C-alpha cells in the first residue's frame, strides 16, 4: 500500500468559543510505502507513521495558529506523529463501500506518545485499489505534558480536552 494524502484536524474549545486547526498533506510525487498483513478481519500495518509539521496547521486566524504552535511546543517538537498499528473490521453485515472498523493508533505530541483505540473508524472503499481510513478520538493535553493555555490575563481559558480527526488516503499496490 502507499499513502497518497492525509488530513488531520484538531478541535478544541475555550470558555468563550470553539476552534478548529487543520492541515492537508499530499504525497503524489513521493508516496509513503506501507506494508500490510491481512489476517481474518484485521489488517496490521508496518510503516504507517505520518508526520504532520505543527507549523503547517491552520486555525483560520494567524494569532490562533501561532498560539497552537506555542502550546504544542513546536520549537522543541516540530511534528505531530500519527501511527496506525492495525484496523479491525467490525463483526456483522456491512456494505463493502464503507466498513466500520476499530483502529489501534499512537499519537506522539510534544515528545510524548500515547496509544488509543479508535472505536468509530471507517474504511471507505473508492475502488478496488483506492481507500480512505478515517478516525476520530478525544484526548487530553495534560496526557502529553501540555498545559492548556490561558490568554488575556485569565479571561480566555482553553479546555484541556481536545478532539482529533484524521483521513488517510491509500492506494493498494501489489508488489
C-alpha atoms as a PDB file:
ATOM      1  CA  UNK A   1       0.000   0.000   0.000  1.00  0.00           C
ATOM      2  CA  UNK A   2       1.018   3.580  -0.387  1.00  0.00           C
ATOM      3  CA  UNK A   3      -0.287   6.680   1.365  1.00  0.00           C
ATOM      4  CA  UNK A   4      -1.132   9.353  -1.196  1.00  0.00           C
ATOM      5  CA  UNK A   5      -2.740  12.046   1.009  1.00  0.00           C
ATOM      6  CA  UNK A   6      -3.677  12.766   4.602  1.00  0.00           C
ATOM      7  CA  UNK A   7      -5.757  15.254   6.549  1.00  0.00           C
ATOM      8  CA  UNK A   8      -5.512  15.948  10.284  1.00  0.00           C
ATOM      9  CA  UNK A   9      -7.714  18.272  12.320  1.00  0.00           C
ATOM     10  CA  UNK A  10      -7.635  19.387  15.954  1.00  0.00           C
ATOM     11  CA  UNK A  11     -10.894  20.578  17.529  1.00  0.00           C
ATOM     12  CA  UNK A  12     -10.935  22.436  20.833  1.00  0.00           C
ATOM     13  CA  UNK A  13     -12.834  24.912  22.877  1.00  0.00           C
ATOM     14  CA  UNK A  14     -12.319  27.749  25.271  1.00  0.00           C
ATOM     15  CA  UNK A  15     -14.650  29.270  27.817  1.00  0.00           C
ATOM     16  CA  UNK A  16     -15.506  31.774  25.042  1.00  0.00           C
ATOM     17  CA  UNK A  17     -15.537  29.898  21.733  1.00  0.00           C
ATOM     18  CA  UNK A  18     -14.556  26.773  19.782  1.00  0.00           C
ATOM     19  CA  UNK A  19     -11.645  26.399  17.388  1.00  0.00           C
ATOM     20  CA  UNK A  20     -10.519  24.106  14.601  1.00  0.00           C
ATOM     21  CA  UNK A  21      -6.975  23.759  13.290  1.00  0.00           C
ATOM     22  CA  UNK A  22      -6.190  21.561  10.304  1.00  0.00           C
ATOM     23  CA  UNK A  23      -3.689  20.599   7.683  1.00  0.00           C
ATOM     24  CA  UNK A  24      -3.575  18.586   4.474  1.00  0.00           C
ATOM     25  CA  UNK A  25      -0.622  16.738   3.026  1.00  0.00           C
ATOM     26  CA  UNK A  26      -0.217  15.293  -0.454  1.00  0.00           C
ATOM     27  CA  UNK A  27       2.352  12.645  -1.290  1.00  0.00           C
ATOM     28  CA  UNK A  28       1.737  12.475  -5.063  1.00  0.00           C
ATOM     29  CA  UNK A  29       5.383  12.629  -6.090  1.00  0.00           C
ATOM     30  CA  UNK A  30       6.688  10.647  -3.117  1.00  0.00           C
ATOM     31  CA  UNK A  31       4.013   8.348  -1.634  1.00  0.00           C
ATOM     32  CA  UNK A  32       4.664   6.705   1.723  1.00  0.00           C
ATOM     33  CA  UNK A  33       5.067   2.955   1.221  1.00  0.00           C
ATOM     34  CA  UNK A  34       3.382   0.790   3.862  1.00  0.00           C
ATOM     35  CA  UNK A  35       3.475  -2.967   4.361  1.00  0.00           C
ATOM     36  CA  UNK A  36       0.232  -4.610   5.406  1.00  0.00           C
ATOM     37  CA  UNK A  37      -0.568  -8.070   6.702  1.00  0.00           C
ATOM     38  CA  UNK A  38      -4.124  -9.358   6.350  1.00  0.00           C
ATOM     39  CA  UNK A  39      -5.369 -11.911   8.878  1.00  0.00           C
ATOM     40  CA  UNK A  40      -9.096 -12.677   9.103  1.00  0.00           C
ATOM     41  CA  UNK A  41     -10.761  -9.299   9.718  1.00  0.00           C
ATOM     42  CA  UNK A  42      -7.606  -7.456  10.770  1.00  0.00           C
ATOM     43  CA  UNK A  43      -5.042  -5.536   8.762  1.00  0.00           C
ATOM     44  CA  UNK A  44      -1.755  -4.895  10.577  1.00  0.00           C
ATOM     45  CA  UNK A  45       0.447  -2.126   9.201  1.00  0.00           C
ATOM     46  CA  UNK A  46       4.189  -1.714   9.206  1.00  0.00           C
ATOM     47  CA  UNK A  47       5.449   1.780   8.444  1.00  0.00           C
ATOM     48  CA  UNK A  48       2.125   3.634   8.561  1.00  0.00           C
ATOM     49  CA  UNK A  49       3.516   6.544  10.563  1.00  0.00           C
ATOM     50  CA  UNK A  50       2.637  10.022   9.361  1.00  0.00           C
ATOM     51  CA  UNK A  51       4.465  13.187  10.319  1.00  0.00           C
ATOM     52  CA  UNK A  52       2.489  16.442  10.481  1.00  0.00           C
ATOM     53  CA  UNK A  53       4.562  19.658  10.750  1.00  0.00           C
ATOM     54  CA  UNK A  54       2.978  21.744  13.507  1.00  0.00           C
ATOM     55  CA  UNK A  55       3.950  24.942  11.680  1.00  0.00           C
ATOM     56  CA  UNK A  56       1.636  23.925   8.814  1.00  0.00           C
ATOM     57  CA  UNK A  57      -1.539  23.738  10.935  1.00  0.00           C
ATOM     58  CA  UNK A  58      -4.013  26.471  10.070  1.00  0.00           C
ATOM     59  CA  UNK A  59      -6.561  27.655  12.635  1.00  0.00           C
ATOM     60  CA  UNK A  60      -8.104  30.264  10.326  1.00  0.00           C
ATOM     61  CA  UNK A  61      -6.624  33.188  12.267  1.00  0.00           C
ATOM     62  CA  UNK A  62      -2.854  33.691  12.316  1.00  0.00           C
ATOM     63  CA  UNK A  63      -2.773  34.543  16.041  1.00  0.00           C
ATOM     64  CA  UNK A  64      -4.628  31.309  16.862  1.00  0.00           C
ATOM     65  CA  UNK A  65      -2.303  29.288  14.621  1.00  0.00           C
ATOM     66  CA  UNK A  66       0.690  30.813  16.428  1.00  0.00           C
ATOM     67  CA  UNK A  67      -0.908  30.067  19.821  1.00  0.00           C
ATOM     68  CA  UNK A  68      -1.410  26.430  18.775  1.00  0.00           C
ATOM     69  CA  UNK A  69       2.250  26.115  17.753  1.00  0.00           C
ATOM     70  CA  UNK A  70       3.382  27.636  21.047  1.00  0.00           C
ATOM     71  CA  UNK A  71       1.026  25.463  23.118  1.00  0.00           C
ATOM     72  CA  UNK A  72       2.142  22.275  21.356  1.00  0.00           C
ATOM     73  CA  UNK A  73       5.820  23.213  21.847  1.00  0.00           C
ATOM     74  CA  UNK A  74       6.609  23.310  18.132  1.00  0.00           C
ATOM     75  CA  UNK A  75      10.042  24.891  18.738  1.00  0.00           C
ATOM     76  CA  UNK A  76      11.211  21.781  20.602  1.00  0.00           C
ATOM     77  CA  UNK A  77       8.922  19.207  18.955  1.00  0.00           C
ATOM     78  CA  UNK A  78       8.110  20.373  15.406  1.00  0.00           C
ATOM     79  CA  UNK A  79       5.928  17.395  14.434  1.00  0.00           C
ATOM     80  CA  UNK A  80       2.778  15.602  15.497  1.00  0.00           C
ATOM     81  CA  UNK A  81       3.093  11.901  14.635  1.00  0.00           C
ATOM     82  CA  UNK A  82       0.194   9.581  13.871  1.00  0.00           C
ATOM     83  CA  UNK A  83       0.931   5.874  13.622  1.00  0.00           C
ATOM     84  CA  UNK A  84      -1.753   3.394  12.586  1.00  0.00           C
ATOM     85  CA  UNK A  85      -0.908  -0.020  14.041  1.00  0.00           C
ATOM     86  CA  UNK A  86      -3.893  -2.013  12.784  1.00  0.00           C
ATOM     87  CA  UNK A  87      -7.526  -1.861  11.798  1.00  0.00           C
ATOM     88  CA  UNK A  88     -10.070  -4.493  12.760  1.00  0.00           C
ATOM     89  CA  UNK A  89     -13.237  -4.764  10.668  1.00  0.00           C
ATOM     90  CA  UNK A  90     -16.248  -4.897  12.980  1.00  0.00           C
ATOM     91  CA  UNK A  91     -18.370  -8.053  13.001  1.00  0.00           C
ATOM     92  CA  UNK A  92     -21.735  -8.085  11.285  1.00  0.00           C
ATOM     93  CA  UNK A  93     -23.130  -7.377   7.873  1.00  0.00           C
ATOM     94  CA  UNK A  94     -21.661  -4.266   6.270  1.00  0.00           C
ATOM     95  CA  UNK A  95     -21.575  -2.619   2.890  1.00  0.00           C
ATOM     96  CA  UNK A  96     -18.200  -3.047   1.219  1.00  0.00           C
ATOM     97  CA  UNK A  97     -18.143   0.651   0.209  1.00  0.00           C
ATOM     98  CA  UNK A  98     -17.952   1.792   3.850  1.00  0.00           C
ATOM     99  CA  UNK A  99     -16.715  -0.550   6.547  1.00  0.00           C
ATOM    100  CA  UNK A 100     -16.875   0.225  10.270  1.00  0.00           C
ATOM    101  CA  UNK A 101     -13.533  -0.504  11.909  1.00  0.00           C
ATOM    102  CA  UNK A 102     -11.717  -0.334  15.207  1.00  0.00           C
ATOM    103  CA  UNK A 103      -8.189   1.081  14.889  1.00  0.00           C
ATOM    104  CA  UNK A 104      -5.148   0.979  17.132  1.00  0.00           C
ATOM    105  CA  UNK A 105      -3.155   4.192  16.826  1.00  0.00           C
ATOM    106  CA  UNK A 106      -0.290   6.007  18.517  1.00  0.00           C
ATOM    107  CA  UNK A 107      -0.193   9.797  18.686  1.00  0.00           C
ATOM    108  CA  UNK A 108       3.086  11.498  19.555  1.00  0.00           C
ATOM    109  CA  UNK A 109       2.885  15.125  20.573  1.00  0.00           C
ATOM    110  CA  UNK A 110       5.444  17.261  22.413  1.00  0.00           C
ATOM    111  CA  UNK A 111       7.703  14.212  22.670  1.00  0.00           C
ATOM    112  CA  UNK A 112       5.090  12.062  24.442  1.00  0.00           C
ATOM    113  CA  UNK A 113       3.431   9.030  22.798  1.00  0.00           C
ATOM    114  CA  UNK A 114       0.010   7.698  23.730  1.00  0.00           C
ATOM    115  CA  UNK A 115      -1.824   4.665  22.391  1.00  0.00           C
ATOM    116  CA  UNK A 116      -5.527   4.940  21.553  1.00  0.00           C
ATOM    117  CA  UNK A 117      -8.195   2.587  20.313  1.00  0.00           C
ATOM    118  CA  UNK A 118     -10.461   4.333  17.811  1.00  0.00           C
ATOM    119  CA  UNK A 119     -13.808   2.566  18.089  1.00  0.00           C
ATOM    120  CA  UNK A 120     -15.700   4.567  15.462  1.00  0.00           C
ATOM    121  CA  UNK A 121     -13.406   4.498  12.441  1.00  0.00           C
ATOM    122  CA  UNK A 122     -14.288   3.784   8.835  1.00  0.00           C
ATOM    123  CA  UNK A 123     -12.649   2.422   5.731  1.00  0.00           C
ATOM    124  CA  UNK A 124     -14.209   3.967   2.643  1.00  0.00           C
ATOM    125  CA  UNK A 125     -13.514   1.925  -0.472  1.00  0.00           C
ATOM    126  CA  UNK A 126     -13.419   4.183  -3.533  1.00  0.00           C
ATOM    127  CA  UNK A 127     -12.369   1.384  -5.895  1.00  0.00           C
ATOM    128  CA  UNK A 128     -10.578  -1.971  -5.798  1.00  0.00           C
ATOM    129  CA  UNK A 129      -7.287  -0.175  -5.296  1.00  0.00           C
ATOM    130  CA  UNK A 130      -8.210   3.070  -3.505  1.00  0.00           C
ATOM    131  CA  UNK A 131      -9.438   3.585   0.050  1.00  0.00           C
ATOM    132  CA  UNK A 132      -9.631   6.161   2.832  1.00  0.00           C
ATOM    133  CA  UNK A 133      -9.199   5.363   6.524  1.00  0.00           C
ATOM    134  CA  UNK A 134     -10.934   7.796   8.894  1.00  0.00           C
ATOM    135  CA  UNK A 135     -10.970   8.109  12.651  1.00  0.00           C
ATOM    136  CA  UNK A 136     -11.810  10.461  15.464  1.00  0.00           C
ATOM    137  CA  UNK A 137     -10.636  10.466  19.103  1.00  0.00           C
ATOM    138  CA  UNK A 138     -10.750  12.630  22.207  1.00  0.00           C
ATOM    139  CA  UNK A 139      -7.553  13.298  24.103  1.00  0.00           C
ATOM    140  CA  UNK A 140      -6.329  15.426  26.965  1.00  0.00           C
ATOM    141  CA  UNK A 141      -3.445  17.886  26.551  1.00  0.00           C
ATOM    142  CA  UNK A 142      -2.187  17.060  30.037  1.00  0.00           C
ATOM    143  CA  UNK A 143      -1.575  13.445  28.912  1.00  0.00           C
ATOM    144  CA  UNK A 144       1.132  14.923  26.671  1.00  0.00           C
ATOM    145  CA  UNK A 145       2.522  17.147  29.447  1.00  0.00           C
ATOM    146  CA  UNK A 146       0.984  20.207  27.808  1.00  0.00           C
ATOM    147  CA  UNK A 147      -0.641  22.846  29.973  1.00  0.00           C
ATOM    148  CA  UNK A 148      -3.843  24.272  28.478  1.00  0.00           C
ATOM    149  CA  UNK A 149      -3.169  27.924  27.672  1.00  0.00           C
ATOM    150  CA  UNK A 150      -4.728  30.870  29.434  1.00  0.00           C
ATOM    151  CA  UNK A 151      -4.852  34.141  27.475  1.00  0.00           C
ATOM    152  CA  UNK A 152      -5.786  37.771  28.073  1.00  0.00           C
ATOM    153  CA  UNK A 153      -4.948  37.836  31.792  1.00  0.00           C
ATOM    154  CA  UNK A 154      -7.038  34.769  32.555  1.00  0.00           C
ATOM    155  CA  UNK A 155     -10.141  35.843  30.669  1.00  0.00           C
ATOM    156  CA  UNK A 156      -9.817  33.109  27.983  1.00  0.00           C
ATOM    157  CA  UNK A 157      -9.052  29.560  29.096  1.00  0.00           C
ATOM    158  CA  UNK A 158      -8.560  26.643  26.718  1.00  0.00           C
ATOM    159  CA  UNK A 159     -10.154  23.368  27.788  1.00  0.00           C
ATOM    160  CA  UNK A 160      -7.605  20.571  28.177  1.00  0.00           C
ATOM    161  CA  UNK A 161      -9.871  18.175  26.245  1.00  0.00           C
ATOM    162  CA  UNK A 162      -9.219  18.141  22.503  1.00  0.00           C
ATOM    163  CA  UNK A 163     -10.727  16.107  19.747  1.00  0.00           C
ATOM    164  CA  UNK A 164      -8.674  14.984  16.765  1.00  0.00           C
ATOM    165  CA  UNK A 165      -9.749  13.581  13.434  1.00  0.00           C
ATOM    166  CA  UNK A 166      -7.841  12.106  10.544  1.00  0.00           C
ATOM    167  CA  UNK A 167      -8.294  10.866   6.988  1.00  0.00           C
ATOM    168  CA  UNK A 168      -5.630   8.817   5.239  1.00  0.00           C
ATOM    169  CA  UNK A 169      -5.963   8.098   1.528  1.00  0.00           C
ATOM    170  CA  UNK A 170      -4.194   4.953   0.336  1.00  0.00           C
ATOM    171  CA  UNK A 171      -3.639   3.054  -2.881  1.00  0.00           C
ATOM    172  CA  UNK A 172      -3.197  -0.709  -2.926  1.00  0.00           C
ATOM    173  CA  UNK A 173      -0.037  -1.713  -4.756  1.00  0.00           C
ATOM    174  CA  UNK A 174       0.748  -5.347  -5.486  1.00  0.00           C
ATOM    175  CA  UNK A 175       4.457  -5.979  -5.464  1.00  0.00           C
END
